[in-house]
N, C-alpha and C. Protein backbone atom coordinates (compact mmCIF):
# COMPACT_ATOMS: atom_id res chain seq x y z
N MET A 1 40.20 -5.91 -10.86
CA MET A 1 38.96 -6.51 -11.33
C MET A 1 37.82 -6.26 -10.34
N LYS A 2 38.07 -6.51 -9.04
CA LYS A 2 37.04 -6.30 -8.03
C LYS A 2 36.63 -4.83 -7.97
N PHE A 3 37.58 -3.94 -8.15
CA PHE A 3 37.29 -2.51 -8.11
C PHE A 3 36.31 -2.14 -9.22
N ASN A 4 36.51 -2.67 -10.41
CA ASN A 4 35.62 -2.38 -11.53
C ASN A 4 34.21 -2.92 -11.28
N VAL A 5 34.11 -4.08 -10.69
CA VAL A 5 32.81 -4.66 -10.38
C VAL A 5 32.09 -3.81 -9.35
N MET A 6 32.80 -3.39 -8.32
CA MET A 6 32.20 -2.55 -7.28
C MET A 6 31.78 -1.20 -7.85
N THR A 7 32.63 -0.61 -8.68
CA THR A 7 32.30 0.67 -9.29
C THR A 7 31.05 0.54 -10.16
N ASN A 8 30.97 -0.52 -10.91
CA ASN A 8 29.81 -0.78 -11.76
C ASN A 8 28.55 -0.94 -10.92
N LEU A 9 28.65 -1.66 -9.82
CA LEU A 9 27.52 -1.88 -8.93
C LEU A 9 27.06 -0.56 -8.30
N VAL A 10 28.01 0.25 -7.85
CA VAL A 10 27.69 1.55 -7.25
C VAL A 10 26.99 2.44 -8.28
N ASN A 11 27.49 2.44 -9.50
CA ASN A 11 26.87 3.26 -10.54
C ASN A 11 25.46 2.80 -10.85
N ARG A 12 25.23 1.51 -10.87
CA ARG A 12 23.88 0.99 -11.10
C ARG A 12 22.94 1.36 -9.96
N MET A 13 23.45 1.30 -8.73
CA MET A 13 22.63 1.68 -7.58
C MET A 13 22.29 3.17 -7.64
N ARG A 14 23.25 4.01 -8.01
CA ARG A 14 22.98 5.44 -8.14
C ARG A 14 21.90 5.68 -9.19
N TYR A 15 21.99 4.97 -10.29
CA TYR A 15 21.00 5.10 -11.36
C TYR A 15 19.62 4.71 -10.85
N LEU A 16 19.53 3.57 -10.15
CA LEU A 16 18.26 3.09 -9.62
C LEU A 16 17.69 4.07 -8.60
N ILE A 17 18.53 4.58 -7.72
CA ILE A 17 18.07 5.55 -6.72
C ILE A 17 17.59 6.82 -7.41
N GLY A 18 18.29 7.24 -8.43
CA GLY A 18 17.86 8.41 -9.19
C GLY A 18 16.49 8.21 -9.81
N ILE A 19 16.26 7.04 -10.37
CA ILE A 19 14.95 6.73 -10.96
C ILE A 19 13.88 6.73 -9.88
N LEU A 20 14.17 6.09 -8.75
CA LEU A 20 13.18 6.05 -7.67
C LEU A 20 12.86 7.44 -7.15
N LEU A 21 13.87 8.28 -7.00
CA LEU A 21 13.63 9.65 -6.57
C LEU A 21 12.78 10.41 -7.58
N PHE A 22 13.08 10.22 -8.84
CA PHE A 22 12.31 10.88 -9.88
C PHE A 22 10.86 10.45 -9.84
N VAL A 23 10.64 9.14 -9.74
CA VAL A 23 9.27 8.61 -9.71
C VAL A 23 8.54 9.09 -8.47
N ALA A 24 9.23 9.16 -7.33
CA ALA A 24 8.58 9.58 -6.09
C ALA A 24 8.27 11.06 -6.09
N MET A 25 9.08 11.88 -6.76
CA MET A 25 8.89 13.32 -6.69
C MET A 25 7.99 13.88 -7.80
N VAL A 26 7.93 13.20 -8.92
CA VAL A 26 7.13 13.70 -10.03
C VAL A 26 5.72 13.13 -9.91
N PRO A 27 4.74 13.98 -9.65
CA PRO A 27 3.38 13.44 -9.52
C PRO A 27 2.88 12.95 -10.86
N SER A 28 2.17 11.87 -10.81
CA SER A 28 1.61 11.29 -12.02
C SER A 28 0.14 11.66 -12.11
N LEU A 29 -0.29 12.12 -13.26
CA LEU A 29 -1.68 12.48 -13.43
C LEU A 29 -2.55 11.25 -13.67
N GLN A 30 -2.00 10.23 -14.27
CA GLN A 30 -2.78 9.05 -14.65
C GLN A 30 -2.65 7.90 -13.65
N ALA A 31 -1.52 7.77 -13.02
CA ALA A 31 -1.29 6.61 -12.16
C ALA A 31 -0.51 7.02 -10.91
N LYS A 32 -0.60 6.16 -9.91
CA LYS A 32 0.14 6.41 -8.68
C LYS A 32 1.62 6.17 -8.91
N SER A 33 2.44 6.80 -8.09
CA SER A 33 3.87 6.54 -8.16
C SER A 33 4.13 5.11 -7.67
N ILE A 34 5.27 4.60 -8.06
CA ILE A 34 5.64 3.24 -7.65
C ILE A 34 5.70 3.17 -6.13
N THR A 35 6.30 4.19 -5.51
CA THR A 35 6.41 4.21 -4.05
C THR A 35 5.03 4.17 -3.40
N ARG A 36 4.13 4.98 -3.89
CA ARG A 36 2.77 5.03 -3.34
C ARG A 36 2.07 3.69 -3.52
N HIS A 37 2.24 3.07 -4.68
CA HIS A 37 1.62 1.78 -4.96
C HIS A 37 2.13 0.71 -3.98
N VAL A 38 3.44 0.71 -3.75
CA VAL A 38 4.02 -0.26 -2.82
C VAL A 38 3.50 -0.01 -1.41
N LEU A 39 3.46 1.25 -0.99
CA LEU A 39 2.96 1.58 0.35
C LEU A 39 1.49 1.18 0.50
N ASP A 40 0.70 1.37 -0.55
CA ASP A 40 -0.71 0.96 -0.49
C ASP A 40 -0.84 -0.54 -0.24
N LYS A 41 0.01 -1.33 -0.87
CA LYS A 41 -0.02 -2.79 -0.67
C LYS A 41 0.37 -3.14 0.75
N VAL A 42 1.37 -2.47 1.29
CA VAL A 42 1.80 -2.72 2.68
C VAL A 42 0.68 -2.32 3.63
N VAL A 43 0.01 -1.20 3.35
CA VAL A 43 -1.12 -0.76 4.18
C VAL A 43 -2.21 -1.82 4.16
N GLU A 44 -2.49 -2.38 3.00
CA GLU A 44 -3.53 -3.41 2.90
C GLU A 44 -3.17 -4.64 3.74
N ILE A 45 -1.92 -5.05 3.70
CA ILE A 45 -1.48 -6.20 4.50
C ILE A 45 -1.60 -5.90 5.99
N LYS A 46 -1.17 -4.70 6.40
CA LYS A 46 -1.27 -4.31 7.81
C LYS A 46 -2.73 -4.21 8.24
N CYS A 47 -3.59 -3.83 7.33
CA CYS A 47 -5.02 -3.73 7.63
C CYS A 47 -5.58 -5.10 8.02
N HIS A 48 -5.22 -6.12 7.25
CA HIS A 48 -5.70 -7.47 7.57
C HIS A 48 -5.26 -7.89 8.97
N ALA A 49 -4.02 -7.59 9.32
CA ALA A 49 -3.51 -7.93 10.65
C ALA A 49 -4.25 -7.14 11.73
N ALA A 50 -4.48 -5.85 11.47
CA ALA A 50 -5.17 -5.01 12.45
C ALA A 50 -6.62 -5.45 12.62
N LEU A 51 -7.26 -5.84 11.54
CA LEU A 51 -8.65 -6.32 11.63
C LEU A 51 -8.74 -7.59 12.46
N ASP A 52 -7.78 -8.47 12.28
CA ASP A 52 -7.80 -9.72 13.04
C ASP A 52 -7.70 -9.47 14.55
N GLU A 53 -7.16 -8.32 14.94
CA GLU A 53 -7.04 -7.97 16.35
C GLU A 53 -8.20 -7.11 16.84
N SER A 54 -9.02 -6.62 15.95
CA SER A 54 -10.09 -5.68 16.30
C SER A 54 -11.27 -6.40 16.96
N LYS A 55 -11.71 -5.88 18.10
CA LYS A 55 -12.85 -6.47 18.80
C LYS A 55 -14.14 -6.31 17.98
N ILE A 56 -14.30 -5.17 17.34
CA ILE A 56 -15.49 -4.94 16.52
C ILE A 56 -15.54 -5.95 15.38
N TRP A 57 -14.39 -6.14 14.72
CA TRP A 57 -14.34 -7.08 13.60
C TRP A 57 -14.57 -8.51 14.08
N LYS A 58 -13.97 -8.88 15.20
CA LYS A 58 -14.16 -10.24 15.72
C LYS A 58 -15.64 -10.50 16.00
N SER A 59 -16.33 -9.52 16.58
CA SER A 59 -17.75 -9.67 16.87
C SER A 59 -18.57 -9.77 15.59
N ALA A 60 -18.28 -8.90 14.64
CA ALA A 60 -19.03 -8.90 13.38
C ALA A 60 -18.77 -10.19 12.60
N ARG A 61 -17.54 -10.63 12.57
CA ARG A 61 -17.16 -11.83 11.83
C ARG A 61 -17.87 -13.07 12.39
N TYR A 62 -18.05 -13.10 13.68
CA TYR A 62 -18.71 -14.23 14.34
C TYR A 62 -20.12 -14.43 13.80
N LEU A 63 -20.77 -13.35 13.38
CA LEU A 63 -22.15 -13.41 12.90
C LEU A 63 -22.27 -13.65 11.39
N MET A 64 -21.14 -13.81 10.70
CA MET A 64 -21.15 -13.96 9.24
C MET A 64 -20.68 -15.33 8.80
N ALA A 65 -21.11 -15.72 7.62
CA ALA A 65 -20.54 -16.91 6.99
C ALA A 65 -19.10 -16.60 6.59
N ASN A 66 -18.26 -17.62 6.47
CA ASN A 66 -16.84 -17.40 6.15
C ASN A 66 -16.64 -16.62 4.86
N GLU A 67 -17.39 -16.98 3.82
CA GLU A 67 -17.23 -16.29 2.53
C GLU A 67 -17.60 -14.81 2.66
N THR A 68 -18.67 -14.55 3.37
CA THR A 68 -19.11 -13.17 3.57
C THR A 68 -18.07 -12.39 4.36
N ALA A 69 -17.55 -13.00 5.42
CA ALA A 69 -16.55 -12.34 6.26
C ALA A 69 -15.28 -12.04 5.46
N GLU A 70 -14.85 -12.98 4.64
CA GLU A 70 -13.66 -12.76 3.83
C GLU A 70 -13.88 -11.64 2.82
N ARG A 71 -15.06 -11.61 2.21
CA ARG A 71 -15.38 -10.56 1.24
C ARG A 71 -15.42 -9.19 1.94
N LYS A 72 -16.06 -9.14 3.11
CA LYS A 72 -16.14 -7.87 3.86
C LYS A 72 -14.75 -7.41 4.31
N GLN A 73 -13.94 -8.36 4.76
CA GLN A 73 -12.59 -8.01 5.19
C GLN A 73 -11.80 -7.42 4.02
N GLN A 74 -11.94 -8.02 2.85
CA GLN A 74 -11.24 -7.49 1.68
C GLN A 74 -11.76 -6.10 1.30
N GLN A 75 -13.07 -5.90 1.40
CA GLN A 75 -13.65 -4.58 1.11
C GLN A 75 -13.12 -3.53 2.08
N ILE A 76 -13.05 -3.90 3.36
CA ILE A 76 -12.55 -2.96 4.37
C ILE A 76 -11.10 -2.61 4.07
N CYS A 77 -10.27 -3.61 3.80
CA CYS A 77 -8.85 -3.34 3.56
C CYS A 77 -8.60 -2.64 2.24
N ASP A 78 -9.44 -2.87 1.24
CA ASP A 78 -9.35 -2.10 0.00
C ASP A 78 -9.65 -0.63 0.28
N CYS A 79 -10.67 -0.38 1.09
CA CYS A 79 -11.04 0.99 1.48
C CYS A 79 -9.89 1.64 2.24
N VAL A 80 -9.31 0.92 3.18
CA VAL A 80 -8.20 1.45 3.98
C VAL A 80 -7.03 1.78 3.06
N ALA A 81 -6.68 0.86 2.16
CA ALA A 81 -5.55 1.10 1.25
C ALA A 81 -5.81 2.30 0.35
N GLU A 82 -7.05 2.47 -0.06
CA GLU A 82 -7.41 3.58 -0.94
C GLU A 82 -7.32 4.93 -0.23
N HIS A 83 -7.71 4.97 1.03
CA HIS A 83 -7.83 6.25 1.74
C HIS A 83 -6.71 6.52 2.75
N ALA A 84 -6.00 5.51 3.17
CA ALA A 84 -5.07 5.66 4.29
C ALA A 84 -3.99 6.71 4.06
N LEU A 85 -3.44 6.76 2.88
CA LEU A 85 -2.32 7.67 2.65
C LEU A 85 -2.73 9.00 2.03
N ASN A 86 -4.04 9.27 1.99
CA ASN A 86 -4.50 10.52 1.41
C ASN A 86 -3.98 11.74 2.15
N ASP A 87 -3.79 11.62 3.45
CA ASP A 87 -3.31 12.75 4.25
C ASP A 87 -1.79 12.84 4.31
N ALA A 88 -1.11 11.84 3.76
CA ALA A 88 0.35 11.86 3.77
C ALA A 88 0.84 12.76 2.64
N ASN A 89 1.81 13.61 2.95
CA ASN A 89 2.36 14.48 1.91
C ASN A 89 3.52 13.80 1.20
N ALA A 90 3.98 14.40 0.13
CA ALA A 90 5.04 13.81 -0.69
C ALA A 90 6.33 13.61 0.10
N THR A 91 6.62 14.52 1.01
CA THR A 91 7.83 14.40 1.82
C THR A 91 7.77 13.17 2.72
N GLN A 92 6.64 12.94 3.35
CA GLN A 92 6.49 11.76 4.21
C GLN A 92 6.63 10.48 3.39
N ILE A 93 6.03 10.45 2.23
CA ILE A 93 6.10 9.26 1.38
C ILE A 93 7.53 9.04 0.90
N LEU A 94 8.23 10.10 0.55
CA LEU A 94 9.62 9.98 0.11
C LEU A 94 10.50 9.47 1.25
N LYS A 95 10.33 10.04 2.45
CA LYS A 95 11.10 9.57 3.61
C LYS A 95 10.82 8.10 3.88
N ALA A 96 9.55 7.71 3.77
CA ALA A 96 9.16 6.33 4.04
C ALA A 96 9.78 5.36 3.04
N SER A 97 10.09 5.83 1.85
CA SER A 97 10.68 4.94 0.86
C SER A 97 12.14 4.63 1.16
N PHE A 98 12.78 5.43 2.04
CA PHE A 98 14.19 5.20 2.36
C PHE A 98 14.45 4.83 3.81
N ASP A 99 13.51 5.09 4.69
CA ASP A 99 13.70 4.87 6.12
C ASP A 99 12.63 3.91 6.64
N GLU A 100 13.06 2.74 7.05
CA GLU A 100 12.12 1.70 7.49
C GLU A 100 11.28 2.15 8.69
N GLU A 101 11.90 2.84 9.63
CA GLU A 101 11.16 3.31 10.81
C GLU A 101 10.09 4.34 10.42
N GLU A 102 10.47 5.23 9.52
CA GLU A 102 9.52 6.24 9.02
C GLU A 102 8.36 5.56 8.28
N LYS A 103 8.69 4.53 7.51
CA LYS A 103 7.66 3.80 6.77
C LYS A 103 6.68 3.13 7.73
N GLN A 104 7.21 2.49 8.77
CA GLN A 104 6.35 1.81 9.73
C GLN A 104 5.44 2.80 10.46
N GLN A 105 5.98 3.95 10.84
CA GLN A 105 5.17 4.97 11.52
C GLN A 105 4.07 5.50 10.61
N LEU A 106 4.41 5.77 9.36
CA LEU A 106 3.45 6.28 8.40
C LEU A 106 2.33 5.26 8.16
N ILE A 107 2.70 4.01 7.99
CA ILE A 107 1.71 2.97 7.72
C ILE A 107 0.83 2.73 8.94
N GLN A 108 1.44 2.67 10.11
CA GLN A 108 0.67 2.46 11.34
C GLN A 108 -0.36 3.57 11.54
N SER A 109 0.08 4.79 11.37
CA SER A 109 -0.81 5.93 11.53
C SER A 109 -1.91 5.91 10.47
N ALA A 110 -1.55 5.61 9.25
CA ALA A 110 -2.52 5.60 8.15
C ALA A 110 -3.58 4.53 8.37
N VAL A 111 -3.17 3.35 8.77
CA VAL A 111 -4.12 2.25 9.01
C VAL A 111 -5.03 2.61 10.18
N ARG A 112 -4.44 3.10 11.26
CA ARG A 112 -5.23 3.45 12.44
C ARG A 112 -6.29 4.50 12.10
N ASN A 113 -5.91 5.49 11.32
CA ASN A 113 -6.84 6.58 11.01
C ASN A 113 -7.96 6.16 10.05
N SER A 114 -7.73 5.19 9.21
CA SER A 114 -8.73 4.80 8.20
C SER A 114 -9.53 3.57 8.59
N LEU A 115 -9.00 2.73 9.45
CA LEU A 115 -9.64 1.44 9.73
C LEU A 115 -11.03 1.59 10.32
N LYS A 116 -11.19 2.45 11.29
CA LYS A 116 -12.49 2.61 11.94
C LYS A 116 -13.54 3.11 10.95
N HIS A 117 -13.17 4.11 10.17
CA HIS A 117 -14.09 4.66 9.17
C HIS A 117 -14.49 3.59 8.15
N CYS A 118 -13.52 2.89 7.62
CA CYS A 118 -13.81 1.90 6.58
C CYS A 118 -14.59 0.70 7.13
N THR A 119 -14.30 0.28 8.34
CA THR A 119 -15.04 -0.82 8.95
C THR A 119 -16.51 -0.42 9.11
N GLY A 120 -16.74 0.76 9.63
CA GLY A 120 -18.11 1.25 9.79
C GLY A 120 -18.83 1.37 8.46
N LYS A 121 -18.13 1.86 7.47
CA LYS A 121 -18.72 2.05 6.13
C LYS A 121 -19.13 0.71 5.52
N VAL A 122 -18.24 -0.27 5.55
CA VAL A 122 -18.52 -1.57 4.93
C VAL A 122 -19.56 -2.35 5.72
N LEU A 123 -19.50 -2.26 7.05
CA LEU A 123 -20.46 -3.01 7.87
C LEU A 123 -21.77 -2.26 8.08
N GLY A 124 -21.82 -1.00 7.64
CA GLY A 124 -23.02 -0.20 7.77
C GLY A 124 -23.34 0.24 9.18
N ILE A 125 -22.28 0.49 9.97
CA ILE A 125 -22.50 0.90 11.37
C ILE A 125 -21.95 2.29 11.66
N SER A 126 -21.58 3.02 10.63
CA SER A 126 -21.04 4.36 10.91
C SER A 126 -22.08 5.44 10.75
């Protein structure tokens, strides 16, 4: 009985992995892949954390009302999420979907490369 349950579970996992690989490898003309969409959300979350540590952002935020600062922070992180993974190729994104360390490196690099540009763009200082 346990063998059948395990076999069934393994087969379901193979099916799910196959679907994920297909979605990650087949470019979509109309919409982002599921993997890319998930990575964009993680990039956005990391952006908020990085902004909270940024000296430029801390200085700018000090001069703004809370509502304005929150709106600007969201605009900056939306910009970062939109542009951060543009330079990542399909292989990097595929590796990141299976390897946590690869994912963290990709996201860290993507946020770092886009944050300065997007902060300057939204705050009008670039």
